[in-house]
């Protein structure tokens, strides 16, 4: 960005805010992947495994969309587009699917 936008004082404030927020979204996505990689255990139950796999697909799609939105919104349109919105929805959906796929209630005999 230093090469493309060398003088940050000449960039309109709304475009600077847009670029910064896209960086934070990419950071959010990477931190979710790191945390998930540390704690993920694939369940043996088919329905739980399916939820986890679908959640991972959504999280990967969200990451791809965040990076695409950064380049598209910063360099092409220079304004907010629907790509970021869909990336946020995909990330939320992937997180929820992982939550339900990994959530277990303790039974009395399993304490």
Protein backbone atom coordinates (compact mmCIF):
# COMPACT_ATOMS: atom_id res chain seq x y z
CA UNK A 1 0.00 0.00 0.00
CA UNK A 2 2.93 2.35 0.51
CA UNK A 3 3.71 1.96 -3.17
CA UNK A 4 0.11 2.48 -4.32
CA UNK A 5 -0.84 5.15 -1.77
CA UNK A 6 2.43 6.87 -0.80
CA UNK A 7 0.93 10.04 0.68
CA UNK A 8 -1.74 9.06 3.17
CA UNK A 9 -2.68 12.68 3.81
CA UNK A 10 -4.00 13.00 0.26
CA UNK A 11 -6.27 9.97 0.56
CA UNK A 12 -9.85 10.81 1.54
CA UNK A 13 -10.62 9.82 5.13
CA UNK A 14 -13.48 7.50 4.17
CA UNK A 15 -11.16 5.51 1.86
CA UNK A 16 -8.52 5.27 4.61
CA UNK A 17 -11.16 3.98 7.02
CA UNK A 18 -12.33 1.47 4.42
CA UNK A 19 -8.78 0.17 3.92
CA UNK A 20 -8.18 -0.14 7.65
CA UNK A 21 -11.43 -1.95 8.29
CA UNK A 22 -10.64 -4.48 5.55
CA UNK A 23 -7.30 -5.18 7.22
CA UNK A 24 -9.12 -5.81 10.50
CA UNK A 25 -11.56 -8.19 8.77
CA UNK A 26 -8.67 -10.19 7.31
CA UNK A 27 -7.06 -10.29 10.76
CA UNK A 28 -10.36 -11.48 12.28
CA UNK A 29 -10.57 -14.28 9.77
CA UNK A 30 -6.99 -15.40 10.35
CA UNK A 31 -7.42 -15.38 14.14
CA UNK A 32 -10.55 -17.53 13.84
CA UNK A 33 -8.61 -20.02 11.72
CA UNK A 34 -5.74 -20.09 14.23
CA UNK A 35 -8.05 -20.64 17.21
CA UNK A 36 -10.01 -23.27 15.37
CA UNK A 37 -6.83 -25.06 14.35
CA UNK A 38 -5.74 -25.27 17.97
CA UNK A 39 -8.99 -26.62 19.40
CA UNK A 40 -10.71 -28.50 16.58
CA UNK A 41 -11.48 -32.16 17.09
CA UNK A 42 -13.37 -33.82 14.27
CA UNK A 43 -16.25 -35.77 15.78
CA UNK A 44 -17.00 -39.35 14.87
CA UNK A 45 -20.74 -38.69 14.62
CA UNK A 46 -21.64 -38.05 11.00
CA UNK A 47 -23.96 -35.10 11.57
CA UNK A 48 -21.45 -33.32 13.79
CA UNK A 49 -18.66 -33.99 11.32
CA UNK A 50 -20.83 -32.62 8.51
CA UNK A 51 -21.53 -29.43 10.47
CA UNK A 52 -17.82 -28.98 11.14
CA UNK A 53 -16.87 -29.53 7.50
CA UNK A 54 -19.56 -27.16 6.26
CA UNK A 55 -18.47 -24.59 8.86
CA UNK A 56 -14.87 -24.88 7.63
CA UNK A 57 -15.99 -24.38 4.04
CA UNK A 58 -17.89 -21.24 5.05
CA UNK A 59 -14.90 -19.91 7.00
CA UNK A 60 -12.59 -20.52 4.05
CA UNK A 61 -15.05 -18.81 1.70
CA UNK A 62 -15.28 -15.88 4.13
CA UNK A 63 -11.49 -15.56 4.19
CA UNK A 64 -11.32 -15.59 0.40
CA UNK A 65 -14.09 -12.97 0.21
CA UNK A 66 -12.35 -10.72 2.74
CA UNK A 67 -9.16 -10.69 0.68
CA UNK A 68 -11.11 -10.18 -2.53
CA UNK A 69 -13.10 -7.35 -0.91
CA UNK A 70 -9.88 -5.68 0.21
CA UNK A 71 -8.54 -5.47 -3.34
CA UNK A 72 -11.89 -4.80 -5.02
CA UNK A 73 -13.13 -2.15 -2.61
CA UNK A 74 -9.76 -0.44 -2.17
CA UNK A 75 -8.49 -0.37 -5.73
CA UNK A 76 -11.52 -0.79 -8.00
CA UNK A 77 -14.61 0.80 -6.48
CA UNK A 78 -13.06 2.73 -3.55
CA UNK A 79 -16.27 2.25 -1.60
CA UNK A 80 -18.09 -0.41 0.39
CA UNK A 81 -19.54 -3.31 -1.62
CA UNK A 82 -21.58 -6.40 -0.89
CA UNK A 83 -18.48 -8.61 -0.92
CA UNK A 84 -17.55 -7.64 2.63
CA UNK A 85 -21.09 -8.20 3.82
CA UNK A 86 -21.19 -11.72 2.36
CA UNK A 87 -17.75 -12.42 3.86
CA UNK A 88 -19.01 -11.41 7.30
CA UNK A 89 -22.11 -13.57 6.92
CA UNK A 90 -20.02 -16.55 5.78
CA UNK A 91 -17.67 -16.11 8.74
CA UNK A 92 -20.57 -15.86 11.17
CA UNK A 93 -22.23 -18.92 9.63
CA UNK A 94 -19.03 -20.94 9.71
CA UNK A 95 -18.47 -20.07 13.35
CA UNK A 96 -22.04 -21.04 14.27
CA UNK A 97 -21.77 -24.36 12.40
CA UNK A 98 -18.55 -25.15 14.24
CA UNK A 99 -20.18 -24.19 17.52
CA UNK A 100 -23.10 -26.57 17.00
CA UNK A 101 -20.91 -29.28 15.51
CA UNK A 102 -18.57 -29.27 18.48
CA UNK A 103 -21.00 -28.56 21.31
CA UNK A 104 -21.76 -31.45 23.65
CA UNK A 105 -23.86 -31.65 26.76
CA UNK A 106 -22.39 -33.61 29.64
CA UNK A 107 -24.49 -36.56 30.72
CA UNK A 108 -24.53 -37.90 34.30
CA UNK A 109 -22.45 -40.95 33.40
CA UNK A 110 -19.99 -38.87 31.37
CA UNK A 111 -18.80 -36.40 34.04
